[in-house]
Amino acid sequence: YTIPEGEKSLPAGSTVKDLNGNEVTITDALEWKTETKVELKTEYQDSAVAGINGVGYNSLDEAITNAKDGDTITILKPAEDANGYKLNGGLSYSDKAITIKAASGVDVKFDMSSAVALNGAKITFEDVTFEYKSNNNYIGLYHTDTMVYNNCVFNGQMFLYGASETFNGCTFNQTSSDAYNVWTYGAKKVDFNGCKFDCAGKSVLVYNEGTISGTDLTVKDTTFHASQSVEDKA
């Protein structure tokens, strides 16, 4: 028995009848197996840029504004701007932890040519790329709380400012010998787990100007590759 053509579901109270209009008792129905896992996929309207639990939004800002604690925002298409999406520091990020991830097969980039203040943000990013400049200083996400990055790519030089910054399976790319991949800078706690650093001689600089007492840095199962050597550096 199949769903009628043009319908996505059976209307409430539907019954099954034979071609003569007689109600049919189904005796050969298969038993539902509880160990079976079914992935439910939601179709969003073409205009939707991002979605939360089946509800589409026409901009990432709109999705972030409507997100509640624990929600996952899925970005459904690349940014119209070739440089990528820009995070909006004018939105409210505190009092909720959210995840922002790319939909399967979608190339999502964030334009980090300038710094953005995300006050109190608790965000997990997944499968997205951050485009930083090679040599810009002090550019990063300011005043954040807890930041987690899973399988993300970071191009250029970034500065960290969060109370906690965790990188899992991330890739860092830097082609300038005058810059690092990462300055830990204003971050109190930083973890690199299973990451890969490609640089021109400088990867991670643990440094701050006295605004914090120090940085608790942990590096596990992470590889570093330098395309050249730099004087006075490892």
Protein backbone atom coordinates (compact mmCIF):
# COMPACT_ATOMS: atom_id res chain seq x y z
CA TYR A 1 0.00 0.00 0.00
CA THR A 2 1.45 3.37 -0.99
CA ILE A 3 0.82 6.99 -0.13
CA PRO A 4 -1.47 8.59 -2.77
CA GLU A 5 0.24 10.44 -5.62
CA GLY A 6 0.99 14.05 -4.78
CA GLU A 7 0.73 13.46 -1.03
CA LYS A 8 3.60 13.31 1.47
CA SER A 9 1.64 11.52 4.17
CA LEU A 10 -1.69 9.80 4.81
CA PRO A 11 -4.33 12.17 6.20
CA ALA A 12 -5.34 11.57 9.81
CA GLY A 13 -8.01 8.86 10.14
CA SER A 14 -7.18 7.24 6.80
CA THR A 15 -8.32 3.68 6.17
CA VAL A 16 -7.21 1.16 3.57
CA LYS A 17 -9.84 -0.03 1.04
CA ASP A 18 -9.75 -2.35 -1.95
CA LEU A 19 -10.72 -1.34 -5.46
CA ASN A 20 -14.39 -2.07 -4.66
CA GLY A 21 -14.39 0.32 -1.72
CA ASN A 22 -14.36 -2.38 0.95
CA GLU A 23 -12.21 -1.84 4.01
CA VAL A 24 -9.24 -4.18 4.13
CA THR A 25 -7.74 -5.74 7.20
CA ILE A 26 -3.99 -6.02 6.75
CA THR A 27 -2.78 -9.41 7.94
CA ASP A 28 0.71 -9.44 6.42
CA ALA A 29 2.12 -6.26 7.98
CA LEU A 30 5.79 -6.45 8.89
CA GLU A 31 6.79 -6.06 12.51
CA TRP A 32 8.70 -2.84 13.22
CA LYS A 33 12.15 -3.70 14.46
CA THR A 34 13.25 -1.47 17.31
CA GLU A 35 16.94 -1.75 16.42
CA THR A 36 16.32 -0.24 13.00
CA LYS A 37 17.63 3.33 12.67
CA VAL A 38 15.81 5.68 10.33
CA GLU A 39 17.22 9.04 9.24
CA LEU A 40 14.50 11.61 8.72
CA LYS A 41 15.39 14.37 6.28
CA THR A 42 13.52 17.64 6.08
CA GLU A 43 13.03 19.45 2.81
CA TYR A 44 13.46 23.21 3.24
CA GLN A 45 12.15 25.83 0.84
CA ASP A 46 14.64 26.93 -1.80
CA SER A 47 14.81 30.40 -0.24
CA ALA A 48 16.01 29.04 3.12
CA VAL A 49 19.63 29.86 3.96
CA ALA A 50 19.63 28.04 7.29
CA GLY A 51 17.34 25.68 9.16
CA ILE A 52 16.56 24.66 12.73
CA ASN A 53 14.53 21.52 13.42
CA GLY A 54 12.74 21.70 10.08
CA VAL A 55 12.08 25.45 10.18
CA GLY A 56 13.84 27.43 7.45
CA TYR A 57 15.21 30.96 7.75
CA ASN A 58 16.17 33.36 4.98
CA SER A 59 19.39 34.49 6.65
CA LEU A 60 21.93 33.18 9.13
CA ASP A 61 21.23 36.18 11.37
CA GLU A 62 17.55 35.25 11.49
CA ALA A 63 18.40 31.67 12.42
CA ILE A 64 20.79 32.74 15.20
CA THR A 65 18.21 35.16 16.57
CA ASN A 66 15.54 32.44 16.74
CA ALA A 67 17.82 29.68 18.02
CA LYS A 68 17.21 28.42 21.53
CA ASP A 69 19.60 26.79 23.96
CA GLY A 70 20.76 23.46 22.53
CA ASP A 71 19.59 24.12 18.96
CA THR A 72 21.60 23.21 15.87
CA ILE A 73 21.61 25.65 12.96
CA THR A 74 22.31 23.96 9.63
CA ILE A 75 23.58 26.26 6.88
CA LEU A 76 21.94 25.02 3.70
CA LYS A 77 23.82 26.91 0.97
CA PRO A 78 27.08 28.82 0.39
CA ALA A 79 27.09 32.54 1.11
CA GLU A 80 26.07 34.84 -1.73
CA ASP A 81 29.22 36.88 -1.02
CA ALA A 82 32.22 35.01 -2.42
CA ASN A 83 34.18 35.90 0.74
CA GLY A 84 31.71 34.00 2.89
CA TYR A 85 29.22 34.65 5.66
CA LYS A 86 29.90 37.37 8.24
CA LEU A 87 29.03 36.80 11.87
CA ASN A 88 26.95 39.62 13.34
CA GLY A 89 28.21 41.06 16.62
CA GLY A 90 24.94 42.95 17.07
CA LEU A 91 22.98 39.80 17.87
CA SER A 92 22.45 38.26 21.30
CA TYR A 93 24.60 35.18 21.92
CA SER A 94 24.58 34.85 25.70
CA ASP A 95 22.41 32.47 27.75
CA LYS A 96 22.27 29.83 25.02
CA ALA A 97 24.64 27.24 23.60
CA ILE A 98 24.14 26.55 19.90
CA THR A 99 25.75 24.57 17.10
CA ILE A 100 26.35 26.03 13.64
CA LYS A 101 27.22 23.50 10.96
CA ALA A 102 27.32 23.08 7.20
CA ALA A 103 24.77 20.86 5.54
CA SER A 104 26.24 17.77 3.92
CA GLY A 105 28.10 18.68 0.73
CA VAL A 106 27.74 22.46 1.24
CA ASP A 107 30.88 24.63 1.19
CA VAL A 108 30.39 27.11 4.02
CA LYS A 109 32.95 29.86 4.58
CA PHE A 110 33.10 32.68 7.11
CA ASP A 111 34.73 35.98 6.20
CA MET A 112 37.10 36.85 9.06
CA SER A 113 38.80 39.85 7.46
CA SER A 114 37.82 41.86 10.53
CA ALA A 115 37.24 41.08 14.20
CA VAL A 116 33.75 40.44 15.59
CA ALA A 117 32.57 40.63 19.22
CA LEU A 118 30.25 37.74 20.12
CA ASN A 119 29.68 38.59 23.76
CA GLY A 120 29.17 35.51 25.93
CA ALA A 121 28.87 33.18 22.94
CA LYS A 122 28.83 29.41 23.45
CA ILE A 123 29.04 28.05 19.92
CA THR A 124 30.10 24.77 18.34
CA PHE A 125 31.08 25.08 14.67
CA GLU A 126 31.18 21.99 12.47
CA ASP A 127 32.55 21.42 8.96
CA VAL A 128 33.00 25.10 8.07
CA THR A 129 35.97 27.19 6.87
CA PHE A 130 37.18 30.44 8.43
CA GLU A 131 38.97 32.79 6.05
CA TYR A 132 41.42 34.95 8.00
CA LYS A 133 44.05 37.22 6.43
CA SER A 134 47.62 35.92 6.40
CA ASN A 135 49.16 38.72 8.44
CA ASN A 136 46.39 40.67 10.20
CA ASN A 137 46.91 41.09 13.94
CA TYR A 138 44.28 40.86 16.71
CA ILE A 139 41.60 39.48 14.38
CA GLY A 140 39.32 36.91 15.98
CA LEU A 141 36.04 36.41 17.82
CA TYR A 142 36.08 38.72 20.84
CA HIS A 143 34.54 38.19 24.30
CA THR A 144 33.37 34.63 23.68
CA ASP A 145 32.70 32.09 26.41
CA THR A 146 33.01 28.50 25.20
CA MET A 147 33.94 27.81 21.59
CA VAL A 148 34.27 24.35 20.01
CA TYR A 149 35.37 23.69 16.44
CA ASN A 150 34.85 20.23 14.90
CA ASN A 151 36.46 19.39 11.54
CA CYS A 152 36.87 23.05 10.62
CA VAL A 153 39.49 24.72 8.40
CA PHE A 154 41.30 27.93 9.32
CA ASN A 155 43.17 29.84 6.63
CA GLY A 156 45.49 32.65 7.69
CA GLN A 157 46.30 33.96 11.17
CA MET A 158 43.72 33.93 13.97
CA PHE A 159 43.74 35.31 17.52
CA LEU A 160 41.81 33.56 20.31
CA TYR A 161 39.79 35.39 22.96
CA GLY A 162 37.41 32.82 24.47
CA ALA A 163 37.34 31.55 28.02
CA SER A 164 37.63 28.09 26.46
CA GLU A 165 38.62 27.21 22.89
CA THR A 166 38.61 23.57 21.70
CA PHE A 167 39.65 22.38 18.25
CA ASN A 168 38.86 18.79 17.22
CA GLY A 169 40.16 17.41 13.92
CA CYS A 170 40.77 20.88 12.50
CA THR A 171 43.19 22.00 9.79
CA PHE A 172 45.21 25.23 9.96
CA ASN A 173 46.84 26.74 6.85
CA GLN A 174 49.38 29.57 6.79
CA THR A 175 51.73 30.50 3.95
CA SER A 176 53.49 33.52 5.47
CA SER A 177 56.76 33.15 7.43
CA ASP A 178 55.95 36.45 9.16
CA ALA A 179 52.81 35.10 10.83
CA TYR A 180 51.51 32.20 12.91
CA ASN A 181 48.51 29.97 12.43
CA VAL A 182 47.21 30.84 15.90
CA TRP A 183 47.93 33.27 18.73
CA THR A 184 46.36 31.95 21.93
CA TYR A 185 46.41 35.57 23.14
CA GLY A 186 43.30 36.23 25.27
CA ALA A 187 42.14 32.62 25.61
CA LYS A 188 42.32 31.10 29.09
CA LYS A 189 42.08 27.46 27.99
CA VAL A 190 42.97 26.04 24.57
CA ASP A 191 42.85 22.41 23.37
CA PHE A 192 44.04 21.05 20.03
CA ASN A 193 42.91 17.46 19.51
CA GLY A 194 43.80 15.53 16.36
CA CYS A 195 44.56 18.68 14.39
CA LYS A 196 46.91 19.44 11.50
CA PHE A 197 49.03 22.57 11.14
CA ASP A 198 50.59 23.63 7.84
CA CYS A 199 52.77 26.73 8.18
CA ALA A 200 55.86 28.51 6.85
CA GLY A 201 57.75 28.09 10.11
CA LYS A 202 55.46 29.37 12.87
CA SER A 203 52.36 27.57 14.16
CA VAL A 204 51.12 28.43 17.66
CA LEU A 205 52.19 31.42 19.74
CA VAL A 206 51.27 31.26 23.43
CA TYR A 207 51.29 34.91 24.36
CA ASN A 208 49.23 37.55 26.13
CA GLU A 209 49.64 41.14 27.28
CA GLY A 210 48.59 40.67 30.90
CA THR A 211 44.82 40.63 30.51
CA ILE A 212 44.83 36.99 31.68
CA SER A 213 47.12 35.24 34.14
CA GLY A 214 48.11 32.57 31.62
CA THR A 215 46.90 30.06 29.05
CA ASP A 216 46.22 26.40 29.84
CA LEU A 217 47.28 24.79 26.56
CA THR A 218 46.83 21.10 25.68
CA VAL A 219 47.95 19.55 22.38
CA LYS A 220 47.08 15.91 21.61
CA ASP A 221 47.58 13.75 18.50
CA THR A 222 48.36 16.83 16.41
CA THR A 223 50.81 17.16 13.51
CA PHE A 224 52.87 20.18 12.47
CA HIS A 225 54.39 20.70 9.03
CA ALA A 226 56.61 23.68 8.16
CA SER A 227 57.31 24.42 4.51
CA GLN A 228 60.48 26.25 5.56
CA SER A 229 62.54 27.08 8.62
CA VAL A 230 62.42 30.44 10.41
CA GLU A 231 65.37 31.85 12.34
CA ASP A 232 65.13 31.39 16.13
CA LYS A 233 62.05 29.17 15.77
CA ALA A 234 61.70 25.42 16.16
